[in-house]
C-alpha cells in the first residue's frame, strides 16, 4: 500500500463517525477532491510557505477564536498535518469538539501565501460559526450534513458563506492589530482593489490596508482553485455574472469565490457584529438593508429577503 493510501486511510479512520464539512459525502474539502499530493520532502518546489509560516498562520486564528468558540459551547481543535501532502482542508464536529484539519500539501502549493493559508483556516472555522446560509437551508433539510437522515439543516455554513465569513469577520479580527499598511506595501494589489477599499473605508488608511490585505489573501486561494481545475486565471476586474435560482451550497466557481472574498472585504459592517446561524442578514451586507456593495455574489447566493 502506498504512503498516500495509508495517509488517506488514517484520515478516514480519524474522521469516521464525525460530521464532516466541506463535502456532502465526506470526500471533499476546501477545494474539490483532487489527486495532487505534495510531500514535505519533494524537491524543486517553487512558492508555497514554510512550516513555521504554516504554524504561525494557524496560531494567529486559533489565538483569537479559541475563546470565541468556547463561549459558543465548543472546543476548537486545529489539526496540523504538516508532513501530509494532501492539498485540501476539512472541518468536522465530534460532540463538542469543533475540528479543523490543515495539511502541509496545501501549504506547499505554489499559489499559497501565508495570508492565503490564514484564509483557509478561517474558511474551515467558518463552517462551524460562519452563519446562514447553512448546508441544506435553501432546500429545507441538511442531507448528509444534517446527520439525522437529512431531516435537519446542517450545523455547517455552506461553502460560499464560509468564504464570506472568512474575510468579513475572521481575517479582520485576526489581523486588525497588525501593521497592515506596511504589509500591503509589498503587495502588487490591482488599482480596482485599492480604489474599492478606499471607497468602502472612506479613505481610512488602516482600514483600507486591511481591506486590501484580505482581498489579496482571496486572490492567493483563487489562484489555487484555477490551478487545480485547469481554469483561466481569476481577476477582480471580471466578476462572475451568473445568477443562481437558489442558493448553491457547494463550491462556487473560482471567479465566483474571488468575488465573494472581495465583496466580503469591502463590506462596511463591523467585524464585531456577529452573524446568525438562522438569519442571513444579521452581521452582513445585504440588499434588504440597502447595501449596494459588500453583499454576497449572486453567482452562488439567492437572497431570501
C-alpha atoms as a PDB file:
ATOM      1  CA  UNK A   1       0.000   0.000   0.000  1.00  0.00           C
ATOM      2  CA  UNK A   2       1.384   3.432  -0.930  1.00  0.00           C
ATOM      3  CA  UNK A   3       2.142   6.109   1.635  1.00  0.00           C
ATOM      4  CA  UNK A   4      -0.618   8.269   0.151  1.00  0.00           C
ATOM      5  CA  UNK A   5      -3.162   5.469   0.533  1.00  0.00           C
ATOM      6  CA  UNK A   6      -2.031   4.841   4.097  1.00  0.00           C
ATOM      7  CA  UNK A   7      -2.433   8.537   4.870  1.00  0.00           C
ATOM      8  CA  UNK A   8      -5.875   8.605   3.294  1.00  0.00           C
ATOM      9  CA  UNK A   9      -6.868   5.505   5.277  1.00  0.00           C
ATOM     10  CA  UNK A  10      -5.646   7.063   8.526  1.00  0.00           C
ATOM     11  CA  UNK A  11      -7.564  10.249   7.784  1.00  0.00           C
ATOM     12  CA  UNK A  12     -10.692   8.260   7.032  1.00  0.00           C
ATOM     13  CA  UNK A  13     -10.422   6.388  10.316  1.00  0.00           C
ATOM     14  CA  UNK A  14      -9.855   9.625  12.197  1.00  0.00           C
ATOM     15  CA  UNK A  15     -12.959  11.193  10.702  1.00  0.00           C
ATOM     16  CA  UNK A  16     -15.168   8.109  10.950  1.00  0.00           C
ATOM     17  CA  UNK A  17     -18.287   8.766  12.974  1.00  0.00           C
ATOM     18  CA  UNK A  18     -17.941  12.529  12.770  1.00  0.00           C
ATOM     19  CA  UNK A  19     -19.930  15.068  10.798  1.00  0.00           C
ATOM     20  CA  UNK A  20     -17.537  16.278   8.123  1.00  0.00           C
ATOM     21  CA  UNK A  21     -17.792  19.677   6.469  1.00  0.00           C
ATOM     22  CA  UNK A  22     -16.686  20.982   3.073  1.00  0.00           C
ATOM     23  CA  UNK A  23     -18.404  17.995   1.462  1.00  0.00           C
ATOM     24  CA  UNK A  24     -21.716  16.193   1.415  1.00  0.00           C
ATOM     25  CA  UNK A  25     -20.133  12.759   1.140  1.00  0.00           C
ATOM     26  CA  UNK A  26     -17.071  13.232   3.308  1.00  0.00           C
ATOM     27  CA  UNK A  27     -14.683  13.166   0.356  1.00  0.00           C
ATOM     28  CA  UNK A  28     -14.348  16.841  -0.480  1.00  0.00           C
ATOM     29  CA  UNK A  29     -12.702  19.760   1.275  1.00  0.00           C
ATOM     30  CA  UNK A  30     -11.731  23.426   0.952  1.00  0.00           C
ATOM     31  CA  UNK A  31     -11.266  22.611  -2.716  1.00  0.00           C
ATOM     32  CA  UNK A  32     -12.998  19.808  -4.642  1.00  0.00           C
ATOM     33  CA  UNK A  33     -11.466  16.354  -4.277  1.00  0.00           C
ATOM     34  CA  UNK A  34      -8.167  16.077  -6.150  1.00  0.00           C
ATOM     35  CA  UNK A  35      -5.271  13.638  -6.527  1.00  0.00           C
ATOM     36  CA  UNK A  36      -2.485  16.169  -6.063  1.00  0.00           C
ATOM     37  CA  UNK A  37      -0.079  15.236  -3.272  1.00  0.00           C
ATOM     38  CA  UNK A  38       2.882  17.475  -2.382  1.00  0.00           C
ATOM     39  CA  UNK A  39       5.108  15.697   0.112  1.00  0.00           C
ATOM     40  CA  UNK A  40       7.277  17.513   2.626  1.00  0.00           C
ATOM     41  CA  UNK A  41      10.466  16.152   1.033  1.00  0.00           C
ATOM     42  CA  UNK A  42       9.527  16.930  -2.566  1.00  0.00           C
ATOM     43  CA  UNK A  43      12.385  18.622  -4.399  1.00  0.00           C
ATOM     44  CA  UNK A  44      12.268  21.676  -6.618  1.00  0.00           C
ATOM     45  CA  UNK A  45       9.221  23.312  -5.075  1.00  0.00           C
ATOM     46  CA  UNK A  46       8.674  26.936  -6.023  1.00  0.00           C
ATOM     47  CA  UNK A  47       6.420  29.073  -3.876  1.00  0.00           C
ATOM     48  CA  UNK A  48       4.272  27.904  -1.006  1.00  0.00           C
ATOM     49  CA  UNK A  49       5.076  28.609   2.632  1.00  0.00           C
ATOM     50  CA  UNK A  50       7.373  27.175   5.286  1.00  0.00           C
ATOM     51  CA  UNK A  51       6.373  25.012   8.224  1.00  0.00           C
ATOM     52  CA  UNK A  52       6.950  27.973  10.540  1.00  0.00           C
ATOM     53  CA  UNK A  53       4.611  30.134   8.456  1.00  0.00           C
ATOM     54  CA  UNK A  54       2.053  27.310   8.333  1.00  0.00           C
ATOM     55  CA  UNK A  55       2.026  27.091  12.129  1.00  0.00           C
ATOM     56  CA  UNK A  56       2.033  30.854  12.591  1.00  0.00           C
ATOM     57  CA  UNK A  57      -0.977  31.279  10.293  1.00  0.00           C
ATOM     58  CA  UNK A  58      -2.859  28.703  12.355  1.00  0.00           C
ATOM     59  CA  UNK A  59      -1.680  30.177  15.674  1.00  0.00           C
ATOM     60  CA  UNK A  60      -2.973  33.644  14.788  1.00  0.00           C
ATOM     61  CA  UNK A  61      -6.501  32.445  14.063  1.00  0.00           C
ATOM     62  CA  UNK A  62      -6.543  29.953  16.930  1.00  0.00           C
ATOM     63  CA  UNK A  63      -5.488  32.621  19.432  1.00  0.00           C
ATOM     64  CA  UNK A  64      -8.468  34.820  18.536  1.00  0.00           C
ATOM     65  CA  UNK A  65     -11.116  32.171  18.008  1.00  0.00           C
ATOM     66  CA  UNK A  66     -10.489  29.527  20.673  1.00  0.00           C
ATOM     67  CA  UNK A  67     -12.188  31.653  23.363  1.00  0.00           C
ATOM     68  CA  UNK A  68     -14.966  32.646  20.949  1.00  0.00           C
ATOM     69  CA  UNK A  69     -15.716  29.008  20.155  1.00  0.00           C
ATOM     70  CA  UNK A  70     -15.581  28.188  23.882  1.00  0.00           C
ATOM     71  CA  UNK A  71     -18.196  30.870  24.563  1.00  0.00           C
ATOM     72  CA  UNK A  72     -20.395  29.174  21.969  1.00  0.00           C
ATOM     73  CA  UNK A  73     -20.110  25.855  23.783  1.00  0.00           C
ATOM     74  CA  UNK A  74     -17.472  24.177  21.647  1.00  0.00           C
ATOM     75  CA  UNK A  75     -13.785  23.347  21.861  1.00  0.00           C
ATOM     76  CA  UNK A  76     -11.709  24.375  18.845  1.00  0.00           C
ATOM     77  CA  UNK A  77      -9.131  21.813  17.766  1.00  0.00           C
ATOM     78  CA  UNK A  78      -6.920  22.553  14.759  1.00  0.00           C
ATOM     79  CA  UNK A  79      -5.036  19.541  13.449  1.00  0.00           C
ATOM     80  CA  UNK A  80      -1.646  20.407  11.924  1.00  0.00           C
ATOM     81  CA  UNK A  81      -0.715  17.757   9.374  1.00  0.00           C
ATOM     82  CA  UNK A  82       2.445  19.393   8.011  1.00  0.00           C
ATOM     83  CA  UNK A  83       4.031  16.214   6.651  1.00  0.00           C
ATOM     84  CA  UNK A  84       0.808  15.128   4.920  1.00  0.00           C
ATOM     85  CA  UNK A  85       0.872  16.098   1.243  1.00  0.00           C
ATOM     86  CA  UNK A  86      -2.905  16.392   0.864  1.00  0.00           C
ATOM     87  CA  UNK A  87      -3.860  19.579  -0.976  1.00  0.00           C
ATOM     88  CA  UNK A  88      -7.049  20.335   0.934  1.00  0.00           C
ATOM     89  CA  UNK A  89      -8.519  21.204   4.346  1.00  0.00           C
ATOM     90  CA  UNK A  90     -11.547  19.973   6.288  1.00  0.00           C
ATOM     91  CA  UNK A  91     -13.909  20.778   9.146  1.00  0.00           C
ATOM     92  CA  UNK A  92     -15.807  18.310  11.319  1.00  0.00           C
ATOM     93  CA  UNK A  93     -17.675  18.104  14.614  1.00  0.00           C
ATOM     94  CA  UNK A  94     -17.386  15.314  17.151  1.00  0.00           C
ATOM     95  CA  UNK A  95     -19.553  16.139  20.124  1.00  0.00           C
ATOM     96  CA  UNK A  96     -18.383  19.475  21.464  1.00  0.00           C
ATOM     97  CA  UNK A  97     -15.041  19.278  19.651  1.00  0.00           C
ATOM     98  CA  UNK A  98     -15.101  21.521  16.592  1.00  0.00           C
ATOM     99  CA  UNK A  99     -12.260  20.391  14.409  1.00  0.00           C
ATOM    100  CA  UNK A 100     -10.296  21.945  11.565  1.00  0.00           C
ATOM    101  CA  UNK A 101      -7.814  19.744   9.698  1.00  0.00           C
ATOM    102  CA  UNK A 102      -4.975  21.534   7.884  1.00  0.00           C
ATOM    103  CA  UNK A 103      -2.409  19.915   5.589  1.00  0.00           C
ATOM    104  CA  UNK A 104       1.130  20.700   4.517  1.00  0.00           C
ATOM    105  CA  UNK A 105       0.411  19.740   0.926  1.00  0.00           C
ATOM    106  CA  UNK A 106      -1.883  22.725   0.523  1.00  0.00           C
ATOM    107  CA  UNK A 107       0.656  24.986   2.226  1.00  0.00           C
ATOM    108  CA  UNK A 108       3.367  23.860  -0.202  1.00  0.00           C
ATOM    109  CA  UNK A 109       1.331  24.623  -3.332  1.00  0.00           C
ATOM    110  CA  UNK A 110       2.997  27.408  -5.286  1.00  0.00           C
ATOM    111  CA  UNK A 111      -0.094  29.647  -5.248  1.00  0.00           C
ATOM    112  CA  UNK A 112      -0.372  29.763  -1.475  1.00  0.00           C
ATOM    113  CA  UNK A 113       0.846  32.692   0.584  1.00  0.00           C
ATOM    114  CA  UNK A 114       0.860  32.832   4.358  1.00  0.00           C
ATOM    115  CA  UNK A 115      -2.183  35.107   4.195  1.00  0.00           C
ATOM    116  CA  UNK A 116      -3.855  32.632   1.853  1.00  0.00           C
ATOM    117  CA  UNK A 117      -3.260  29.908   4.430  1.00  0.00           C
ATOM    118  CA  UNK A 118      -4.868  32.083   7.108  1.00  0.00           C
ATOM    119  CA  UNK A 119      -7.900  32.430   4.872  1.00  0.00           C
ATOM    120  CA  UNK A 120      -8.162  28.645   4.539  1.00  0.00           C
ATOM    121  CA  UNK A 121      -8.137  28.289   8.339  1.00  0.00           C
ATOM    122  CA  UNK A 122     -10.828  30.967   8.574  1.00  0.00           C
ATOM    123  CA  UNK A 123     -12.935  29.264   5.896  1.00  0.00           C
ATOM    124  CA  UNK A 124     -12.872  25.944   7.743  1.00  0.00           C
ATOM    125  CA  UNK A 125     -13.663  27.724  11.005  1.00  0.00           C
ATOM    126  CA  UNK A 126     -16.486  29.413   9.116  1.00  0.00           C
ATOM    127  CA  UNK A 127     -18.201  26.076   8.609  1.00  0.00           C
ATOM    128  CA  UNK A 128     -18.593  25.981  12.397  1.00  0.00           C
ATOM    129  CA  UNK A 129     -19.559  29.593  13.146  1.00  0.00           C
ATOM    130  CA  UNK A 130     -19.971  31.352   9.788  1.00  0.00           C
ATOM    131  CA  UNK A 131     -23.737  31.711   9.997  1.00  0.00           C
ATOM    132  CA  UNK A 132     -26.533  31.426   7.451  1.00  0.00           C
ATOM    133  CA  UNK A 133     -26.963  30.108   4.865  1.00  0.00           C
ATOM    134  CA  UNK A 134     -26.078  26.682   6.167  1.00  0.00           C
ATOM    135  CA  UNK A 135     -25.944  23.471   4.180  1.00  0.00           C
ATOM    136  CA  UNK A 136     -29.453  22.397   3.294  1.00  0.00           C
ATOM    137  CA  UNK A 137     -31.183  25.611   4.385  1.00  0.00           C
ATOM    138  CA  UNK A 138     -32.260  26.549   0.871  1.00  0.00           C
ATOM    139  CA  UNK A 139     -33.592  23.020   0.275  1.00  0.00           C
ATOM    140  CA  UNK A 140     -35.311  22.647   3.641  1.00  0.00           C
ATOM    141  CA  UNK A 141     -33.014  19.970   5.010  1.00  0.00           C
ATOM    142  CA  UNK A 142     -29.417  19.106   5.737  1.00  0.00           C
ATOM    143  CA  UNK A 143     -28.949  15.993   3.589  1.00  0.00           C
ATOM    144  CA  UNK A 144     -25.816  14.085   4.583  1.00  0.00           C
ATOM    145  CA  UNK A 145     -24.734  17.065   6.687  1.00  0.00           C
ATOM    146  CA  UNK A 146     -27.750  17.034   8.942  1.00  0.00           C
ATOM    147  CA  UNK A 147     -26.682  13.767  10.496  1.00  0.00           C
ATOM    148  CA  UNK A 148     -30.225  12.537  11.011  1.00  0.00           C
ATOM    149  CA  UNK A 149     -31.300  11.239   7.656  1.00  0.00           C
ATOM    150  CA  UNK A 150     -31.486  14.664   6.065  1.00  0.00           C
ATOM    151  CA  UNK A 151     -34.416  15.999   8.065  1.00  0.00           C
ATOM    152  CA  UNK A 152     -32.486  18.813   9.711  1.00  0.00           C
ATOM    153  CA  UNK A 153     -30.496  21.740   8.409  1.00  0.00           C
ATOM    154  CA  UNK A 154     -26.782  21.128   8.840  1.00  0.00           C
ATOM    155  CA  UNK A 155     -24.601  22.563  11.572  1.00  0.00           C
ATOM    156  CA  UNK A 156     -22.229  23.705   8.811  1.00  0.00           C
ATOM    157  CA  UNK A 157     -22.321  27.018   6.984  1.00  0.00           C
ATOM    158  CA  UNK A 158     -22.209  26.365   3.260  1.00  0.00           C
ATOM    159  CA  UNK A 159     -19.126  26.899   1.102  1.00  0.00           C
ATOM    160  CA  UNK A 160     -19.894  30.408  -0.106  1.00  0.00           C
ATOM    161  CA  UNK A 161     -20.897  31.596   3.358  1.00  0.00           C
ATOM    162  CA  UNK A 162     -17.701  30.150   4.843  1.00  0.00           C
ATOM    163  CA  UNK A 163     -15.737  32.115   2.230  1.00  0.00           C
ATOM    164  CA  UNK A 164     -17.674  35.291   3.061  1.00  0.00           C
ATOM    165  CA  UNK A 165     -17.242  34.854   6.815  1.00  0.00           C
ATOM    166  CA  UNK A 166     -13.512  34.254   6.365  1.00  0.00           C
ATOM    167  CA  UNK A 167     -12.895  37.800   5.140  1.00  0.00           C
ATOM    168  CA  UNK A 168     -15.863  39.636   6.662  1.00  0.00           C
ATOM    169  CA  UNK A 169     -15.128  38.568  10.246  1.00  0.00           C
ATOM    170  CA  UNK A 170     -12.303  36.095  10.789  1.00  0.00           C
ATOM    171  CA  UNK A 171      -9.372  37.653   8.935  1.00  0.00           C
ATOM    172  CA  UNK A 172     -10.318  41.131  10.090  1.00  0.00           C
ATOM    173  CA  UNK A 173     -10.313  40.066  13.732  1.00  0.00           C
ATOM    174  CA  UNK A 174      -7.086  38.128  13.251  1.00  0.00           C
ATOM    175  CA  UNK A 175      -5.172  40.944  11.547  1.00  0.00           C
ATOM    176  CA  UNK A 176      -6.727  44.110  12.967  1.00  0.00           C
ATOM    177  CA  UNK A 177      -3.710  44.879  15.181  1.00  0.00           C
ATOM    178  CA  UNK A 178      -1.061  44.111  12.545  1.00  0.00           C
ATOM    179  CA  UNK A 179       0.855  46.838  10.713  1.00  0.00           C
ATOM    180  CA  UNK A 180      -1.290  46.317   7.647  1.00  0.00           C
ATOM    181  CA  UNK A 181      -0.141  49.460   5.875  1.00  0.00           C
ATOM    182  CA  UNK A 182       3.428  48.165   5.850  1.00  0.00           C
ATOM    183  CA  UNK A 183       2.319  44.672   4.852  1.00  0.00           C
ATOM    184  CA  UNK A 184       0.286  45.745   1.809  1.00  0.00           C
ATOM    185  CA  UNK A 185       3.089  47.974   0.528  1.00  0.00           C
ATOM    186  CA  UNK A 186       4.849  44.775  -0.503  1.00  0.00           C
ATOM    187  CA  UNK A 187       1.784  43.561  -2.430  1.00  0.00           C
ATOM    188  CA  UNK A 188       1.016  44.332  -6.043  1.00  0.00           C
ATOM    189  CA  UNK A 189      -2.656  44.987  -5.428  1.00  0.00           C
ATOM    190  CA  UNK A 190      -4.723  45.908  -8.510  1.00  0.00           C
ATOM    191  CA  UNK A 191      -5.912  49.502  -8.757  1.00  0.00           C
ATOM    192  CA  UNK A 192      -9.521  48.326  -8.623  1.00  0.00           C
ATOM    193  CA  UNK A 193      -8.926  46.725  -5.231  1.00  0.00           C
ATOM    194  CA  UNK A 194      -7.098  49.747  -3.853  1.00  0.00           C
ATOM    195  CA  UNK A 195      -9.768  52.164  -5.079  1.00  0.00           C
ATOM    196  CA  UNK A 196     -12.613  49.917  -3.944  1.00  0.00           C
ATOM    197  CA  UNK A 197     -11.140  49.559  -0.479  1.00  0.00           C
ATOM    198  CA  UNK A 198     -10.553  53.302  -0.168  1.00  0.00           C
ATOM    199  CA  UNK A 199     -14.171  53.971  -1.082  1.00  0.00           C
ATOM    200  CA  UNK A 200     -15.511  51.308   1.277  1.00  0.00           C
ATOM    201  CA  UNK A 201     -13.480  52.602   4.223  1.00  0.00           C
ATOM    202  CA  UNK A 202     -13.896  56.317   3.461  1.00  0.00           C
ATOM    203  CA  UNK A 203     -10.129  56.551   2.940  1.00  0.00           C
ATOM    204  CA  UNK A 204      -9.250  55.386   6.448  1.00  0.00           C
ATOM    205  CA  UNK A 205      -5.658  54.284   5.878  1.00  0.00           C
ATOM    206  CA  UNK A 206      -5.577  51.358   8.281  1.00  0.00           C
ATOM    207  CA  UNK A 207      -8.993  50.021   7.303  1.00  0.00           C
ATOM    208  CA  UNK A 208      -8.074  50.393   3.637  1.00  0.00           C
ATOM    209  CA  UNK A 209      -4.895  48.391   4.173  1.00  0.00           C
ATOM    210  CA  UNK A 210      -6.796  45.641   5.991  1.00  0.00           C
ATOM    211  CA  UNK A 211      -9.353  45.513   3.162  1.00  0.00           C
ATOM    212  CA  UNK A 212      -6.591  45.215   0.555  1.00  0.00           C
ATOM    213  CA  UNK A 213      -4.878  42.500   2.559  1.00  0.00           C
ATOM    214  CA  UNK A 214      -7.982  40.329   2.916  1.00  0.00           C
ATOM    215  CA  UNK A 215      -8.764  40.783  -0.783  1.00  0.00           C
ATOM    216  CA  UNK A 216      -5.276  39.659  -1.778  1.00  0.00           C
ATOM    217  CA  UNK A 217      -5.490  36.633   0.501  1.00  0.00           C
ATOM    218  CA  UNK A 218      -8.545  35.747  -1.552  1.00  0.00           C
ATOM    219  CA  UNK A 219      -6.533  36.082  -4.751  1.00  0.00           C
ATOM    220  CA  UNK A 220      -3.968  33.589  -3.451  1.00  0.00           C
ATOM    221  CA  UNK A 221      -6.528  30.855  -2.884  1.00  0.00           C
ATOM    222  CA  UNK A 222      -8.456  31.735  -6.041  1.00  0.00           C
ATOM    223  CA  UNK A 223      -5.250  31.110  -7.973  1.00  0.00           C
ATOM    224  CA  UNK A 224      -5.171  27.707  -6.274  1.00  0.00           C
ATOM    225  CA  UNK A 225      -8.712  26.957  -7.467  1.00  0.00           C
ATOM    226  CA  UNK A 226      -7.763  27.885 -11.030  1.00  0.00           C
ATOM    227  CA  UNK A 227      -4.596  25.801 -10.942  1.00  0.00           C
ATOM    228  CA  UNK A 228      -6.304  22.692  -9.584  1.00  0.00           C
ATOM    229  CA  UNK A 229      -9.158  22.940 -12.070  1.00  0.00           C
ATOM    230  CA  UNK A 230      -7.004  23.920 -15.067  1.00  0.00           C
ATOM    231  CA  UNK A 231      -9.187  27.004 -15.342  1.00  0.00           C
ATOM    232  CA  UNK A 232      -8.458  30.522 -16.619  1.00  0.00           C
ATOM    233  CA  UNK A 233      -6.927  32.899 -14.113  1.00  0.00           C
ATOM    234  CA  UNK A 234      -9.336  34.842 -11.939  1.00  0.00           C
ATOM    235  CA  UNK A 235      -9.341  38.640 -11.826  1.00  0.00           C
ATOM    236  CA  UNK A 236     -11.001  41.234  -9.630  1.00  0.00           C
ATOM    237  CA  UNK A 237     -11.964  43.151 -12.772  1.00  0.00           C
ATOM    238  CA  UNK A 238     -14.007  40.309 -14.308  1.00  0.00           C
ATOM    239  CA  UNK A 239     -16.712  39.265 -11.812  1.00  0.00           C
ATOM    240  CA  UNK A 240     -18.858  36.219 -12.447  1.00  0.00           C
ATOM    241  CA  UNK A 241     -22.152  37.460 -13.938  1.00  0.00           C
ATOM    242  CA  UNK A 242     -24.076  34.239 -13.292  1.00  0.00           C
ATOM    243  CA  UNK A 243     -27.248  34.470 -11.193  1.00  0.00           C
ATOM    244  CA  UNK A 244     -28.431  31.348  -9.371  1.00  0.00           C
ATOM    245  CA  UNK A 245     -32.104  30.473  -8.994  1.00  0.00           C
ATOM    246  CA  UNK A 246     -31.459  29.121  -5.490  1.00  0.00           C
ATOM    247  CA  UNK A 247     -28.516  29.287  -3.108  1.00  0.00           C
ATOM    248  CA  UNK A 248     -25.743  26.879  -4.095  1.00  0.00           C
ATOM    249  CA  UNK A 249     -24.350  25.120  -1.014  1.00  0.00           C
ATOM    250  CA  UNK A 250     -21.380  23.603  -2.838  1.00  0.00           C
ATOM    251  CA  UNK A 251     -18.076  25.058  -4.034  1.00  0.00           C
ATOM    252  CA  UNK A 252     -18.697  28.077  -6.264  1.00  0.00           C
ATOM    253  CA  UNK A 253     -16.536  28.513  -9.347  1.00  0.00           C
ATOM    254  CA  UNK A 254     -13.101  30.074  -8.866  1.00  0.00           C
ATOM    255  CA  UNK A 255     -14.098  33.544 -10.110  1.00  0.00           C
ATOM    256  CA  UNK A 256     -17.259  33.492  -8.033  1.00  0.00           C
ATOM    257  CA  UNK A 257     -15.212  32.687  -4.937  1.00  0.00           C
ATOM    258  CA  UNK A 258     -12.801  35.551  -5.630  1.00  0.00           C
ATOM    259  CA  UNK A 259     -15.812  37.852  -5.990  1.00  0.00           C
ATOM    260  CA  UNK A 260     -17.005  36.654  -2.574  1.00  0.00           C
ATOM    261  CA  UNK A 261     -13.645  37.436  -0.967  1.00  0.00           C
ATOM    262  CA  UNK A 262     -13.596  40.904  -2.487  1.00  0.00           C
ATOM    263  CA  UNK A 263     -17.190  41.725  -1.562  1.00  0.00           C
ATOM    264  CA  UNK A 264     -16.639  40.495   1.979  1.00  0.00           C
ATOM    265  CA  UNK A 265     -13.564  42.704   2.169  1.00  0.00           C
ATOM    266  CA  UNK A 266     -15.414  45.880   1.137  1.00  0.00           C
ATOM    267  CA  UNK A 267     -18.485  45.266   3.300  1.00  0.00           C
ATOM    268  CA  UNK A 268     -18.701  48.096   5.847  1.00  0.00           C
ATOM    269  CA  UNK A 269     -20.486  46.106   8.565  1.00  0.00           C
ATOM    270  CA  UNK A 270     -18.363  45.830  11.709  1.00  0.00           C
ATOM    271  CA  UNK A 271     -16.302  42.701  12.267  1.00  0.00           C
ATOM    272  CA  UNK A 272     -17.719  42.725  15.806  1.00  0.00           C
ATOM    273  CA  UNK A 273     -21.347  42.421  14.689  1.00  0.00           C
ATOM    274  CA  UNK A 274     -21.917  38.678  14.835  1.00  0.00           C
ATOM    275  CA  UNK A 275     -23.552  36.684  12.079  1.00  0.00           C
ATOM    276  CA  UNK A 276     -26.515  34.420  12.816  1.00  0.00           C
ATOM    277  CA  UNK A 277     -26.996  30.709  12.194  1.00  0.00           C
ATOM    278  CA  UNK A 278     -30.592  31.352  11.114  1.00  0.00           C
ATOM    279  CA  UNK A 279     -30.745  34.928   9.790  1.00  0.00           C
ATOM    280  CA  UNK A 280     -28.771  35.563   6.580  1.00  0.00           C
ATOM    281  CA  UNK A 281     -28.986  39.349   7.111  1.00  0.00           C
ATOM    282  CA  UNK A 282     -27.525  39.780  10.606  1.00  0.00           C
ATOM    283  CA  UNK A 283     -23.913  40.926  10.652  1.00  0.00           C
ATOM    284  CA  UNK A 284     -23.633  41.126   6.865  1.00  0.00           C
ATOM    285  CA  UNK A 285     -24.061  43.493   3.961  1.00  0.00           C
ATOM    286  CA  UNK A 286     -27.451  42.678   2.454  1.00  0.00           C
ATOM    287  CA  UNK A 287     -29.675  44.179  -0.195  1.00  0.00           C
ATOM    288  CA  UNK A 288     -32.618  44.281   2.212  1.00  0.00           C
ATOM    289  CA  UNK A 289     -30.629  46.770   4.298  1.00  0.00           C
ATOM    290  CA  UNK A 290     -29.901  48.954   1.291  1.00  0.00           C
ATOM    291  CA  UNK A 291     -26.335  47.814   0.708  1.00  0.00           C
ATOM    292  CA  UNK A 292     -25.167  48.196  -2.889  1.00  0.00           C
ATOM    293  CA  UNK A 293     -21.734  46.673  -2.345  1.00  0.00           C
ATOM    294  CA  UNK A 294     -20.152  44.162   0.006  1.00  0.00           C
ATOM    295  CA  UNK A 295     -23.025  41.716  -0.480  1.00  0.00           C
ATOM    296  CA  UNK A 296     -22.681  38.018  -1.246  1.00  0.00           C
ATOM    297  CA  UNK A 297     -22.411  37.474  -5.014  1.00  0.00           C
ATOM    298  CA  UNK A 298     -25.464  36.188  -6.850  1.00  0.00           C
ATOM    299  CA  UNK A 299     -23.315  33.586  -8.606  1.00  0.00           C
ATOM    300  CA  UNK A 300     -23.894  31.393  -5.529  1.00  0.00           C
ATOM    301  CA  UNK A 301     -26.260  33.289  -3.201  1.00  0.00           C
ATOM    302  CA  UNK A 302     -30.013  33.744  -3.644  1.00  0.00           C
ATOM    303  CA  UNK A 303     -31.268  36.246  -1.047  1.00  0.00           C
ATOM    304  CA  UNK A 304     -34.409  35.117   0.736  1.00  0.00           C
ATOM    305  CA  UNK A 305     -35.343  38.675   1.697  1.00  0.00           C
END
